[in-house]
Amino acid sequence: MRTILVAAAALAAGTSLSLAQTAYTEVEDDTMIVMPFNISADDLEDMDVVGANGEEIGEVEDVLMNASGAIAAVSVEVGGFLGIGESEVVFPLDQLKLQGDDLVTSLTQEQVEALEDWAD
């Protein structure tokens, strides 16, 4: 019995490690340039994120940097109605393209729902 419990604990520990989230922090200096788009973090905030079909997915809330200090992602407010039921997810910058005043993604709704949650 003890062997089973030890094995179950080891399996659970291994599972939680494999599901570990990427460590991001919010960019505090809004003048930092977001290199893929060549615009400031301040200009990126509040931009609409749209799907390839032109349908709005959400709005950029925060610009995020990884542990090495590079801007690597944005948090996007998605879902909900009139501020109720909204959540924030992390969009890696490589999943977004700047087109006009919008950020465009080719991710499907299912893929967006599977993105890492962001809680600032």
PDB file of N, CA and C in Angstrom:
ATOM      1  N   MET A   1       0.821  -1.197   0.000  1.00  0.00           N
ATOM      2  CA  MET A   1       0.000   0.000   0.000  1.00  0.00           C
ATOM      3  C   MET A   1       0.866   1.262   0.000  1.00  0.00           C
ATOM      4  N   ARG A   2       1.913   1.237   0.828  1.00  0.00           N
ATOM      5  CA  ARG A   2       2.786   2.401   0.912  1.00  0.00           C
ATOM      6  C   ARG A   2       3.467   2.670  -0.434  1.00  0.00           C
ATOM      7  N   THR A   3       3.849   1.603  -1.137  1.00  0.00           N
ATOM      8  CA  THR A   3       4.487   1.750  -2.446  1.00  0.00           C
ATOM      9  C   THR A   3       3.544   2.427  -3.427  1.00  0.00           C
ATOM     10  N   ILE A   4       2.281   2.073  -3.369  1.00  0.00           N
ATOM     11  CA  ILE A   4       1.288   2.674  -4.261  1.00  0.00           C
ATOM     12  C   ILE A   4       1.151   4.166  -3.965  1.00  0.00           C
ATOM     13  N   LEU A   5       1.112   4.527  -2.686  1.00  0.00           N
ATOM     14  CA  LEU A   5       0.992   5.935  -2.316  1.00  0.00           C
ATOM     15  C   LEU A   5       2.211   6.738  -2.759  1.00  0.00           C
ATOM     16  N   VAL A   6       3.397   6.161  -2.590  1.00  0.00           N
ATOM     17  CA  VAL A   6       4.618   6.845  -3.016  1.00  0.00           C
ATOM     18  C   VAL A   6       4.616   7.017  -4.529  1.00  0.00           C
ATOM     19  N   ALA A   7       4.215   5.993  -5.252  1.00  0.00           N
ATOM     20  CA  ALA A   7       4.159   6.068  -6.717  1.00  0.00           C
ATOM     21  C   ALA A   7       3.137   7.108  -7.161  1.00  0.00           C
ATOM     22  N   ALA A   8       1.986   7.141  -6.496  1.00  0.00           N
ATOM     23  CA  ALA A   8       0.950   8.118  -6.846  1.00  0.00           C
ATOM     24  C   ALA A   8       1.438   9.541  -6.576  1.00  0.00           C
ATOM     25  N   ALA A   9       2.139   9.740  -5.467  1.00  0.00           N
ATOM     26  CA  ALA A   9       2.668  11.067  -5.143  1.00  0.00           C
ATOM     27  C   ALA A   9       3.718  11.494  -6.161  1.00  0.00           C
ATOM     28  N   ALA A  10       4.575  10.571  -6.564  1.00  0.00           N
ATOM     29  CA  ALA A  10       5.599  10.887  -7.565  1.00  0.00           C
ATOM     30  C   ALA A  10       4.963  11.227  -8.903  1.00  0.00           C
ATOM     31  N   LEU A  11       3.927  10.486  -9.265  1.00  0.00           N
ATOM     32  CA  LEU A  11       3.227  10.756 -10.519  1.00  0.00           C
ATOM     33  C   LEU A  11       2.567  12.132 -10.477  1.00  0.00           C
ATOM     34  N   ALA A  12       1.926  12.446  -9.361  1.00  0.00           N
ATOM     35  CA  ALA A  12       1.268  13.751  -9.225  1.00  0.00           C
ATOM     36  C   ALA A  12       2.293  14.882  -9.279  1.00  0.00           C
ATOM     37  N   ALA A  13       3.430  14.707  -8.648  1.00  0.00           N
ATOM     38  CA  ALA A  13       4.471  15.738  -8.672  1.00  0.00           C
ATOM     39  C   ALA A  13       5.006  15.931 -10.079  1.00  0.00           C
ATOM     40  N   GLY A  14       5.214  14.859 -10.785  1.00  0.00           N
ATOM     41  CA  GLY A  14       5.696  14.947 -12.165  1.00  0.00           C
ATOM     42  C   GLY A  14       4.685  15.605 -13.066  1.00  0.00           C
ATOM     43  N   THR A  15       3.410  15.324 -12.864  1.00  0.00           N
ATOM     44  CA  THR A  15       2.356  15.923 -13.672  1.00  0.00           C
ATOM     45  C   THR A  15       2.298  17.425 -13.450  1.00  0.00           C
ATOM     46  N   SER A  16       2.392  17.859 -12.203  1.00  0.00           N
ATOM     47  CA  SER A  16       2.303  19.293 -11.942  1.00  0.00           C
ATOM     48  C   SER A  16       3.507  20.032 -12.515  1.00  0.00           C
ATOM     49  N   LEU A  17       4.653  19.385 -12.533  1.00  0.00           N
ATOM     50  CA  LEU A  17       5.823  20.030 -13.114  1.00  0.00           C
ATOM     51  C   LEU A  17       5.672  20.198 -14.611  1.00  0.00           C
ATOM     52  N   SER A  18       5.064  19.222 -15.259  1.00  0.00           N
ATOM     53  CA  SER A  18       4.928  19.317 -16.708  1.00  0.00           C
ATOM     54  C   SER A  18       3.899  20.370 -17.104  1.00  0.00           C
ATOM     55  N   LEU A  19       3.016  20.747 -16.189  1.00  0.00           N
ATOM     56  CA  LEU A  19       2.004  21.747 -16.475  1.00  0.00           C
ATOM     57  C   LEU A  19       2.409  23.138 -15.980  1.00  0.00           C
ATOM     58  N   ALA A  20       3.662  23.272 -15.562  1.00  0.00           N
ATOM     59  CA  ALA A  20       4.116  24.555 -15.029  1.00  0.00           C
ATOM     60  C   ALA A  20       3.971  25.664 -16.067  1.00  0.00           C
ATOM     61  N   GLN A  21       3.570  26.826 -15.598  1.00  0.00           N
ATOM     62  CA  GLN A  21       3.363  27.958 -16.486  1.00  0.00           C
ATOM     63  C   GLN A  21       4.668  28.722 -16.684  1.00  0.00           C
ATOM     64  N   THR A  22       4.738  29.424 -17.787  1.00  0.00           N
ATOM     65  CA  THR A  22       5.878  30.290 -18.050  1.00  0.00           C
ATOM     66  C   THR A  22       5.807  31.475 -17.097  1.00  0.00           C
ATOM     67  N   ALA A  23       6.945  31.870 -16.566  1.00  0.00           N
ATOM     68  CA  ALA A  23       6.975  32.994 -15.629  1.00  0.00           C
ATOM     69  C   ALA A  23       7.042  34.311 -16.398  1.00  0.00           C
ATOM     70  N   TYR A  24       5.975  35.082 -16.333  1.00  0.00           N
ATOM     71  CA  TYR A  24       5.923  36.399 -16.957  1.00  0.00           C
ATOM     72  C   TYR A  24       5.706  37.443 -15.880  1.00  0.00           C
ATOM     73  N   THR A  25       6.180  38.649 -16.142  1.00  0.00           N
ATOM     74  CA  THR A  25       5.872  39.790 -15.289  1.00  0.00           C
ATOM     75  C   THR A  25       5.432  40.939 -16.183  1.00  0.00           C
ATOM     76  N   GLU A  26       4.625  41.797 -15.614  1.00  0.00           N
ATOM     77  CA  GLU A  26       4.115  42.936 -16.375  1.00  0.00           C
ATOM     78  C   GLU A  26       5.220  43.966 -16.601  1.00  0.00           C
ATOM     79  N   VAL A  27       5.283  44.504 -17.804  1.00  0.00           N
ATOM     80  CA  VAL A  27       6.246  45.554 -18.135  1.00  0.00           C
ATOM     81  C   VAL A  27       5.803  46.836 -17.437  1.00  0.00           C
ATOM     82  N   GLU A  28       6.689  47.399 -16.640  1.00  0.00           N
ATOM     83  CA  GLU A  28       6.373  48.632 -15.913  1.00  0.00           C
ATOM     84  C   GLU A  28       6.741  49.877 -16.718  1.00  0.00           C
ATOM     85  N   ASP A  29       7.758  49.767 -17.578  1.00  0.00           N
ATOM     86  CA  ASP A  29       8.225  50.902 -18.376  1.00  0.00           C
ATOM     87  C   ASP A  29       7.484  50.907 -19.711  1.00  0.00           C
ATOM     88  N   ASP A  30       6.432  51.721 -19.795  1.00  0.00           N
ATOM     89  CA  ASP A  30       5.596  51.753 -20.999  1.00  0.00           C
ATOM     90  C   ASP A  30       6.305  52.313 -22.225  1.00  0.00           C
ATOM     91  N   THR A  31       7.516  52.852 -22.042  1.00  0.00           N
ATOM     92  CA  THR A  31       8.249  53.369 -23.199  1.00  0.00           C
ATOM     93  C   THR A  31       9.084  52.283 -23.882  1.00  0.00           C
ATOM     94  N   MET A  32       9.153  51.088 -23.271  1.00  0.00           N
ATOM     95  CA  MET A  32       9.913  49.993 -23.892  1.00  0.00           C
ATOM     96  C   MET A  32       9.334  49.691 -25.268  1.00  0.00           C
ATOM     97  N   ILE A  33      10.206  49.427 -26.219  1.00  0.00           N
ATOM     98  CA  ILE A  33       9.779  49.117 -27.581  1.00  0.00           C
ATOM     99  C   ILE A  33       9.545  47.615 -27.710  1.00  0.00           C
ATOM    100  N   VAL A  34       8.403  47.265 -28.260  1.00  0.00           N
ATOM    101  CA  VAL A  34       8.056  45.868 -28.519  1.00  0.00           C
ATOM    102  C   VAL A  34       8.580  45.564 -29.919  1.00  0.00           C
ATOM    103  N   MET A  35       9.723  44.870 -29.971  1.00  0.00           N
ATOM    104  CA  MET A  35      10.481  44.720 -31.207  1.00  0.00           C
ATOM    105  C   MET A  35       9.722  44.117 -32.390  1.00  0.00           C
ATOM    106  N   PRO A  36       8.949  43.070 -32.224  1.00  0.00           N
ATOM    107  CA  PRO A  36       8.314  42.541 -33.436  1.00  0.00           C
ATOM    108  C   PRO A  36       7.431  43.568 -34.143  1.00  0.00           C
ATOM    109  N   PHE A  37       6.917  44.545 -33.373  1.00  0.00           N
ATOM    110  CA  PHE A  37       5.973  45.507 -33.944  1.00  0.00           C
ATOM    111  C   PHE A  37       6.564  46.913 -34.051  1.00  0.00           C
ATOM    112  N   ASN A  38       7.720  47.133 -33.404  1.00  0.00           N
ATOM    113  CA  ASN A  38       8.399  48.425 -33.400  1.00  0.00           C
ATOM    114  C   ASN A  38       7.507  49.558 -32.877  1.00  0.00           C
ATOM    115  N   ILE A  39       6.758  49.250 -31.816  1.00  0.00           N
ATOM    116  CA  ILE A  39       5.930  50.249 -31.138  1.00  0.00           C
ATOM    117  C   ILE A  39       6.166  50.128 -29.636  1.00  0.00           C
ATOM    118  N   SER A  40       5.784  51.143 -28.889  1.00  0.00           N
ATOM    119  CA  SER A  40       5.985  51.113 -27.438  1.00  0.00           C
ATOM    120  C   SER A  40       4.962  50.200 -26.770  1.00  0.00           C
ATOM    121  N   ALA A  41       5.317  49.764 -25.573  1.00  0.00           N
ATOM    122  CA  ALA A  41       4.394  48.950 -24.784  1.00  0.00           C
ATOM    123  C   ALA A  41       3.096  49.715 -24.551  1.00  0.00           C
ATOM    124  N   ASP A  42       3.204  51.027 -24.337  1.00  0.00           N
ATOM    125  CA  ASP A  42       2.020  51.861 -24.123  1.00  0.00           C
ATOM    126  C   ASP A  42       1.098  51.837 -25.341  1.00  0.00           C
ATOM    127  N   ASP A  43       1.675  51.896 -26.541  1.00  0.00           N
ATOM    128  CA  ASP A  43       0.863  51.862 -27.764  1.00  0.00           C
ATOM    129  C   ASP A  43       0.202  50.504 -27.975  1.00  0.00           C
ATOM    130  N   LEU A  44       0.836  49.454 -27.467  1.00  0.00           N
ATOM    131  CA  LEU A  44       0.300  48.102 -27.633  1.00  0.00           C
ATOM    132  C   LEU A  44      -0.900  47.854 -26.717  1.00  0.00           C
ATOM    133  N   GLU A  45      -0.866  48.454 -25.525  1.00  0.00           N
ATOM    134  CA  GLU A  45      -1.968  48.272 -24.579  1.00  0.00           C
ATOM    135  C   GLU A  45      -3.263  48.835 -25.160  1.00  0.00           C
ATOM    136  N   ASP A  46      -4.338  48.128 -24.939  1.00  0.00           N
ATOM    137  CA  ASP A  46      -5.691  48.471 -25.391  1.00  0.00           C
ATOM    138  C   ASP A  46      -5.930  48.207 -26.875  1.00  0.00           C
ATOM    139  N   MET A  47      -4.944  47.646 -27.586  1.00  0.00           N
ATOM    140  CA  MET A  47      -5.178  47.275 -28.987  1.00  0.00           C
ATOM    141  C   MET A  47      -6.143  46.100 -29.041  1.00  0.00           C
ATOM    142  N   ASP A  48      -6.955  46.077 -30.088  1.00  0.00           N
ATOM    143  CA  ASP A  48      -7.848  44.946 -30.304  1.00  0.00           C
ATOM    144  C   ASP A  48      -7.070  43.782 -30.896  1.00  0.00           C
ATOM    145  N   VAL A  49      -7.427  42.577 -30.465  1.00  0.00           N
ATOM    146  CA  VAL A  49      -6.891  41.350 -31.051  1.00  0.00           C
ATOM    147  C   VAL A  49      -8.027  40.723 -31.838  1.00  0.00           C
ATOM    148  N   VAL A  50      -7.775  40.466 -33.113  1.00  0.00           N
ATOM    149  CA  VAL A  50      -8.810  39.906 -33.982  1.00  0.00           C
ATOM    150  C   VAL A  50      -8.317  38.609 -34.603  1.00  0.00           C
ATOM    151  N   GLY A  51      -9.283  37.773 -34.963  1.00  0.00           N
ATOM    152  CA  GLY A  51      -8.962  36.534 -35.652  1.00  0.00           C
ATOM    153  C   GLY A  51      -8.715  36.797 -37.123  1.00  0.00           C
ATOM    154  N   ALA A  52      -8.250  35.783 -37.820  1.00  0.00           N
ATOM    155  CA  ALA A  52      -7.965  35.917 -39.249  1.00  0.00           C
ATOM    156  C   ALA A  52      -9.218  36.294 -40.037  1.00  0.00           C
ATOM    157  N   ASN A  53     -10.396  35.963 -39.480  1.00  0.00           N
ATOM    158  CA  ASN A  53     -11.666  36.291 -40.137  1.00  0.00           C
ATOM    159  C   ASN A  53     -12.136  37.715 -39.832  1.00  0.00           C
ATOM    160  N   GLY A  54     -11.360  38.463 -39.038  1.00  0.00           N
ATOM    161  CA  GLY A  54     -11.709  39.841 -38.705  1.00  0.00           C
ATOM    162  C   GLY A  54     -12.573  39.989 -37.471  1.00  0.00           C
ATOM    163  N   GLU A  55     -12.983  38.880 -36.874  1.00  0.00           N
ATOM    164  CA  GLU A  55     -13.828  38.927 -35.680  1.00  0.00           C
ATOM    165  C   GLU A  55     -12.980  39.242 -34.447  1.00  0.00           C
ATOM    166  N   GLU A  56     -13.462  40.185 -33.623  1.00  0.00           N
ATOM    167  CA  GLU A  56     -12.711  40.580 -32.435  1.00  0.00           C
ATOM    168  C   GLU A  56     -12.668  39.449 -31.422  1.00  0.00           C
ATOM    169  N   ILE A  57     -11.464  39.195 -30.902  1.00  0.00           N
ATOM    170  CA  ILE A  57     -11.250  38.165 -29.890  1.00  0.00           C
ATOM    171  C   ILE A  57     -11.147  38.797 -28.514  1.00  0.00           C
ATOM    172  N   GLY A  58     -10.484  39.940 -28.437  1.00  0.00           N
ATOM    173  CA  GLY A  58     -10.299  40.587 -27.147  1.00  0.00           C
ATOM    174  C   GLY A  58      -9.462  41.837 -27.277  1.00  0.00           C
ATOM    175  N   GLU A  59      -8.963  42.303 -26.133  1.00  0.00           N
ATOM    176  CA  GLU A  59      -8.196  43.549 -26.069  1.00  0.00           C
ATOM    177  C   GLU A  59      -6.963  43.343 -25.201  1.00  0.00           C
ATOM    178  N   VAL A  60      -5.834  43.895 -25.635  1.00  0.00           N
ATOM    179  CA  VAL A  60      -4.588  43.792 -24.874  1.00  0.00           C
ATOM    180  C   VAL A  60      -4.734  44.575 -23.571  1.00  0.00           C
ATOM    181  N   GLU A  61      -4.435  43.913 -22.472  1.00  0.00           N
ATOM    182  CA  GLU A  61      -4.482  44.556 -21.158  1.00  0.00           C
ATOM    183  C   GLU A  61      -3.083  44.905 -20.662  1.00  0.00           C
ATOM    184  N   ASP A  62      -2.160  43.937 -20.748  1.00  0.00           N
ATOM    185  CA  ASP A  62      -0.809  44.135 -20.228  1.00  0.00           C
ATOM    186  C   ASP A  62       0.215  43.620 -21.226  1.00  0.00           C
ATOM    187  N   VAL A  63       1.383  44.240 -21.230  1.00  0.00           N
ATOM    188  CA  VAL A  63       2.525  43.753 -21.998  1.00  0.00           C
ATOM    189  C   VAL A  63       3.405  43.005 -20.999  1.00  0.00           C
ATOM    190  N   LEU A  64       3.859  41.813 -21.378  1.00  0.00           N
ATOM    191  CA  LEU A  64       4.548  40.925 -20.444  1.00  0.00           C
ATOM    192  C   LEU A  64       5.966  40.606 -20.900  1.00  0.00           C
ATOM    193  N   MET A  65       6.862  40.494 -19.922  1.00  0.00           N
ATOM    194  CA  MET A  65       8.224  40.076 -20.246  1.00  0.00           C
ATOM    195  C   MET A  65       8.530  38.757 -19.555  1.00  0.00           C
ATOM    196  N   ASN A  66       9.463  38.013 -20.156  1.00  0.00           N
ATOM    197  CA  ASN A  66       9.852  36.725 -19.594  1.00  0.00           C
ATOM    198  C   ASN A  66      10.924  36.923 -18.525  1.00  0.00           C
ATOM    199  N   ALA A  67      11.426  35.817 -17.984  1.00  0.00           N
ATOM    200  CA  ALA A  67      12.391  35.878 -16.886  1.00  0.00           C
ATOM    201  C   ALA A  67      13.692  36.572 -17.280  1.00  0.00           C
ATOM    202  N   SER A  68      14.039  36.574 -18.562  1.00  0.00           N
ATOM    203  CA  SER A  68      15.275  37.230 -18.996  1.00  0.00           C
ATOM    204  C   SER A  68      15.073  38.715 -19.301  1.00  0.00           C
ATOM    205  N   GLY A  69      13.848  39.221 -19.119  1.00  0.00           N
ATOM    206  CA  GLY A  69      13.573  40.639 -19.311  1.00  0.00           C
ATOM    207  C   GLY A  69      13.164  41.031 -20.715  1.00  0.00           C
ATOM    208  N   ALA A  70      12.992  40.055 -21.593  1.00  0.00           N
ATOM    209  CA  ALA A  70      12.567  40.346 -22.968  1.00  0.00           C
ATOM    210  C   ALA A  70      11.044  40.368 -23.047  1.00  0.00           C
ATOM    211  N   ILE A  71      10.504  41.327 -23.780  1.00  0.00           N
ATOM    212  CA  ILE A  71       9.056  41.359 -23.990  1.00  0.00           C
ATOM    213  C   ILE A  71       8.698  40.165 -24.860  1.00  0.00           C
ATOM    214  N   ALA A  72       7.824  39.300 -24.346  1.00  0.00           N
ATOM    215  CA  ALA A  72       7.567  38.029 -25.010  1.00  0.00           C
ATOM    216  C   ALA A  72       6.095  37.726 -25.230  1.00  0.00           C
ATOM    217  N   ALA A  73       5.200  38.479 -24.574  1.00  0.00           N
ATOM    218  CA  ALA A  73       3.782  38.138 -24.641  1.00  0.00           C
ATOM    219  C   ALA A  73       2.933  39.335 -24.235  1.00  0.00           C
ATOM    220  N   VAL A  74       1.639  39.200 -24.437  1.00  0.00           N
ATOM    221  CA  VAL A  74       0.670  40.173 -23.943  1.00  0.00           C
ATOM    222  C   VAL A  74      -0.463  39.411 -23.271  1.00  0.00           C
ATOM    223  N   SER A  75      -1.086  40.044 -22.294  1.00  0.00           N
ATOM    224  CA  SER A  75      -2.306  39.465 -21.738  1.00  0.00           C
ATOM    225  C   SER A  75      -3.471  40.098 -22.486  1.00  0.00           C
ATOM    226  N   VAL A  76      -4.429  39.257 -22.835  1.00  0.00           N
ATOM    227  CA  VAL A  76      -5.578  39.704 -23.619  1.00  0.00           C
ATOM    228  C   VAL A  76      -6.848  39.342 -22.870  1.00  0.00           C
ATOM    229  N   GLU A  77      -7.716  40.328 -22.705  1.00  0.00           N
ATOM    230  CA  GLU A  77      -9.010  40.124 -22.059  1.00  0.00           C
ATOM    231  C   GLU A  77      -9.952  39.522 -23.095  1.00  0.00           C
ATOM    232  N   VAL A  78     -10.483  38.338 -22.793  1.00  0.00           N
ATOM    233  CA  VAL A  78     -11.346  37.627 -23.738  1.00  0.00           C
ATOM    234  C   VAL A  78     -12.649  37.216 -23.062  1.00  0.00           C
ATOM    235  N   GLY A  79     -13.659  36.986 -23.893  1.00  0.00           N
ATOM    236  CA  GLY A  79     -14.934  36.470 -23.401  1.00  0.00           C
ATOM    237  C   GLY A  79     -15.723  37.480 -22.608  1.00  0.00           C
ATOM    238  N   GLY A  80     -16.802  36.995 -22.041  1.00  0.00           N
ATOM    239  CA  GLY A  80     -17.632  37.829 -21.196  1.00  0.00           C
ATOM    240  C   GLY A  80     -18.530  38.774 -21.967  1.00  0.00           C
ATOM    241  N   PHE A  81     -19.332  39.502 -21.198  1.00  0.00           N
ATOM    242  CA  PHE A  81     -20.268  40.464 -21.759  1.00  0.00           C
ATOM    243  C   PHE A  81     -20.373  41.628 -20.796  1.00  0.00           C
ATOM    244  N   LEU A  82     -20.082  42.824 -21.272  1.00  0.00           N
ATOM    245  CA  LEU A  82     -20.126  44.039 -20.452  1.00  0.00           C
ATOM    246  C   LEU A  82     -19.285  43.907 -19.184  1.00  0.00           C
ATOM    247  N   GLY A  83     -18.116  43.286 -19.318  1.00  0.00           N
ATOM    248  CA  GLY A  83     -17.203  43.163 -18.187  1.00  0.00           C
ATOM    249  C   GLY A  83     -17.479  42.002 -17.266  1.00  0.00           C
ATOM    250  N   ILE A  84     -18.533  41.234 -17.522  1.00  0.00           N
ATOM    251  CA  ILE A  84     -18.872  40.101 -16.666  1.00  0.00           C
ATOM    252  C   ILE A  84     -18.433  38.817 -17.357  1.00  0.00           C
ATOM    253  N   GLY A  85     -17.709  37.981 -16.630  1.00  0.00           N
ATOM    254  CA  GLY A  85     -17.279  36.699 -17.169  1.00  0.00           C
ATOM    255  C   GLY A  85     -16.038  36.769 -18.039  1.00  0.00           C
ATOM    256  N   GLU A  86     -15.367  37.915 -18.048  1.00  0.00           N
ATOM    257  CA  GLU A  86     -14.145  38.039 -18.834  1.00  0.00           C
ATOM    258  C   GLU A  86     -12.996  37.333 -18.134  1.00  0.00           C
ATOM    259  N   SER A  87     -12.029  36.904 -18.921  1.00  0.00           N
ATOM    260  CA  SER A  87     -10.805  36.347 -18.367  1.00  0.00           C
ATOM    261  C   SER A  87      -9.639  36.895 -19.181  1.00  0.00           C
ATOM    262  N   GLU A  88      -8.449  36.769 -18.622  1.00  0.00           N
ATOM    263  CA  GLU A  88      -7.252  37.207 -19.339  1.00  0.00           C
ATOM    264  C   GLU A  88      -6.399  35.994 -19.649  1.00  0.00           C
ATOM    265  N   VAL A  89      -5.925  35.926 -20.888  1.00  0.00           N
ATOM    266  CA  VAL A  89      -5.045  34.847 -21.312  1.00  0.00           C
ATOM    267  C   VAL A  89      -3.756  35.449 -21.860  1.00  0.00           C
ATOM    268  N   VAL A  90      -2.716  34.637 -21.887  1.00  0.00           N
ATOM    269  CA  VAL A  90      -1.407  35.071 -22.364  1.00  0.00           C
ATOM    270  C   VAL A  90      -1.240  34.681 -23.828  1.00  0.00           C
ATOM    271  N   PHE A  91      -1.025  35.677 -24.671  1.00  0.00           N
ATOM    272  CA  PHE A  91      -0.736  35.461 -26.090  1.00  0.00           C
ATOM    273  C   PHE A  91       0.761  35.663 -26.301  1.00  0.00           C
ATOM    274  N   PRO A  92       1.506  34.623 -26.672  1.00  0.00           N
ATOM    275  CA  PRO A  92       2.904  34.840 -27.053  1.00  0.00           C
ATOM    276  C   PRO A  92       2.952  35.751 -28.282  1.00  0.00           C
ATOM    277  N   LEU A  93       3.934  36.625 -28.350  1.00  0.00           N
ATOM    278  CA  LEU A  93       4.020  37.574 -29.459  1.00  0.00           C
ATOM    279  C   LEU A  93       4.136  36.885 -30.811  1.00  0.00           C
ATOM    280  N   ASP A  94       4.716  35.678 -30.835  1.00  0.00           N
ATOM    281  CA  ASP A  94       4.860  34.993 -32.122  1.00  0.00           C
ATOM    282  C   ASP A  94       3.530  34.484 -32.681  1.00  0.00           C
ATOM    283  N   GLN A  95       2.454  34.639 -31.919  1.00  0.00           N
ATOM    284  CA  GLN A  95       1.118  34.258 -32.382  1.00  0.00           C
ATOM    285  C   GLN A  95       0.324  35.464 -32.883  1.00  0.00           C
ATOM    286  N   LEU A  96       0.973  36.636 -32.930  1.00  0.00           N
ATOM    287  CA  LEU A  96       0.289  37.875 -33.300  1.00  0.00           C
ATOM    288  C   LEU A  96       1.040  38.608 -34.405  1.00  0.00           C
ATOM    289  N   LYS A  97       0.280  39.286 -35.263  1.00  0.00           N
ATOM    290  CA  LYS A  97       0.852  40.143 -36.305  1.00  0.00           C
ATOM    291  C   LYS A  97       0.139  41.483 -36.247  1.00  0.00           C
ATOM    292  N   LEU A  98       0.906  42.553 -36.416  1.00  0.00           N
ATOM    293  CA  LEU A  98       0.335  43.895 -36.426  1.00  0.00           C
ATOM    294  C   LEU A  98      -0.187  44.199 -37.821  1.00  0.00           C
ATOM    295  N   GLN A  99      -1.489  44.517 -37.901  1.00  0.00           N
ATOM    296  CA  GLN A  99      -2.106  44.921 -39.167  1.00  0.00           C
ATOM    297  C   GLN A  99      -2.947  46.160 -38.892  1.00  0.00           C
ATOM    298  N   GLY A 100      -2.449  47.298 -39.337  1.00  0.00           N
ATOM    299  CA  GLY A 100      -3.149  48.552 -39.067  1.00  0.00           C
ATOM    300  C   GLY A 100      -3.143  48.843 -37.583  1.00  0.00           C
ATOM    301  N   ASP A 101      -4.334  49.048 -37.017  1.00  0.00           N
ATOM    302  CA  ASP A 101      -4.468  49.340 -35.590  1.00  0.00           C
ATOM    303  C   ASP A 101      -4.798  48.106 -34.765  1.00  0.00           C
ATOM    304  N   ASP A 102      -4.758  46.928 -35.372  1.00  0.00           N
ATOM    305  CA  ASP A 102      -5.129  45.688 -34.691  1.00  0.00           C
ATOM    306  C   ASP A 102      -3.978  44.698 -34.667  1.00  0.00           C
ATOM    307  N   LEU A 103      -4.063  43.777 -33.706  1.00  0.00           N
ATOM    308  CA  LEU A 103      -3.199  42.608 -33.698  1.00  0.00           C
ATOM    309  C   LEU A 103      -4.036  41.450 -34.218  1.00  0.00           C
ATOM    310  N   VAL A 104      -3.496  40.694 -35.152  1.00  0.00           N
ATOM    311  CA  VAL A 104      -4.236  39.604 -35.783  1.00  0.00           C
ATOM    312  C   VAL A 104      -3.576  38.282 -35.410  1.00  0.00           C
ATOM    313  N   THR A 105      -4.403  37.293 -35.106  1.00  0.00           N
ATOM    314  CA  THR A 105      -3.912  35.957 -34.809  1.00  0.00           C
ATOM    315  C   THR A 105      -4.595  34.945 -35.717  1.00  0.00           C
ATOM    316  N   SER A 106      -3.898  33.868 -35.985  1.00  0.00           N
ATOM    317  CA  SER A 106      -4.495  32.780 -36.762  1.00  0.00           C
ATOM    318  C   SER A 106      -5.023  31.685 -35.846  1.00  0.00           C
ATOM    319  N   LEU A 107      -4.925  31.890 -34.520  1.00  0.00           N
ATOM    320  CA  LEU A 107      -5.421  30.890 -33.573  1.00  0.00           C
ATOM    321  C   LEU A 107      -6.932  30.750 -33.672  1.00  0.00           C
ATOM    322  N   THR A 108      -7.403  29.524 -33.512  1.00  0.00           N
ATOM    323  CA  THR A 108      -8.840  29.267 -33.491  1.00  0.00           C
ATOM    324  C   THR A 108      -9.391  29.602 -32.105  1.00  0.00           C
ATOM    325  N   GLN A 109     -10.706  29.685 -31.986  1.00  0.00           N
ATOM    326  CA  GLN A 109     -11.337  29.949 -30.690  1.00  0.00           C
ATOM    327  C   GLN A 109     -10.932  28.876 -29.682  1.00  0.00           C
ATOM    328  N   GLU A 110     -10.871  27.632 -30.128  1.00  0.00           N
ATOM    329  CA  GLU A 110     -10.480  26.524 -29.250  1.00  0.00           C
ATOM    330  C   GLU A 110      -9.046  26.716 -28.748  1.00  0.00           C
ATOM    331  N   GLN A 111      -8.147  27.142 -29.619  1.00  0.00           N
ATOM    332  CA  GLN A 111      -6.763  27.380 -29.216  1.00  0.00           C
ATOM    333  C   GLN A 111      -6.658  28.569 -28.265  1.00  0.00           C
ATOM    334  N   VAL A 112      -7.449  29.602 -28.492  1.00  0.00           N
ATOM    335  CA  VAL A 112      -7.451  30.766 -27.593  1.00  0.00           C
ATOM    336  C   VAL A 112      -7.908  30.339 -26.203  1.00  0.00           C
ATOM    337  N   GLU A 113      -8.946  29.519 -26.131  1.00  0.00           N
ATOM    338  CA  GLU A 113      -9.459  29.061 -24.841  1.00  0.00           C
ATOM    339  C   GLU A 113      -8.447  28.198 -24.102  1.00  0.00           C
ATOM    340  N   ALA A 114      -7.505  27.586 -24.822  1.00  0.00           N
ATOM    341  CA  ALA A 114      -6.493  26.729 -24.204  1.00  0.00           C
ATOM    342  C   ALA A 114      -5.245  27.502 -23.771  1.00  0.00           C
ATOM    343  N   LEU A 115      -5.173  28.796 -24.088  1.00  0.00           N
ATOM    344  CA  LEU A 115      -4.003  29.589 -23.710  1.00  0.00           C
ATOM    345  C   LEU A 115      -3.898  29.716 -22.194  1.00  0.00           C
ATOM    346  N   GLU A 116      -2.677  29.946 -21.738  1.00  0.00           N
ATOM    347  CA  GLU A 116      -2.393  30.115 -20.316  1.00  0.00           C
ATOM    348  C   GLU A 116      -3.170  31.297 -19.748  1.00  0.00           C
ATOM    349  N   ASP A 117      -3.781  31.108 -18.581  1.00  0.00           N
ATOM    350  CA  ASP A 117      -4.488  32.198 -17.905  1.00  0.00           C
ATOM    351  C   ASP A 117      -3.481  33.181 -17.319  1.00  0.00           C
ATOM    352  N   TRP A 118      -3.866  34.453 -17.279  1.00  0.00           N
ATOM    353  CA  TRP A 118      -3.032  35.490 -16.672  1.00  0.00           C
ATOM    354  C   TRP A 118      -3.808  36.135 -15.544  1.00  0.00           C
ATOM    355  N   ALA A 119      -3.195  36.169 -14.381  1.00  0.00           N
ATOM    356  CA  ALA A 119      -3.798  36.845 -13.228  1.00  0.00           C
ATOM    357  C   ALA A 119      -2.753  37.800 -12.676  1.00  0.00           C
ATOM    358  N   ASP A 120      -2.951  39.090 -12.930  1.00  0.00           N
ATOM    359  CA  ASP A 120      -1.960  40.061 -12.447  1.00  0.00           C
ATOM    360  C   ASP A 120      -2.217  40.477 -11.036  1.00  0.00           C
TER     361      ASP A 120
END
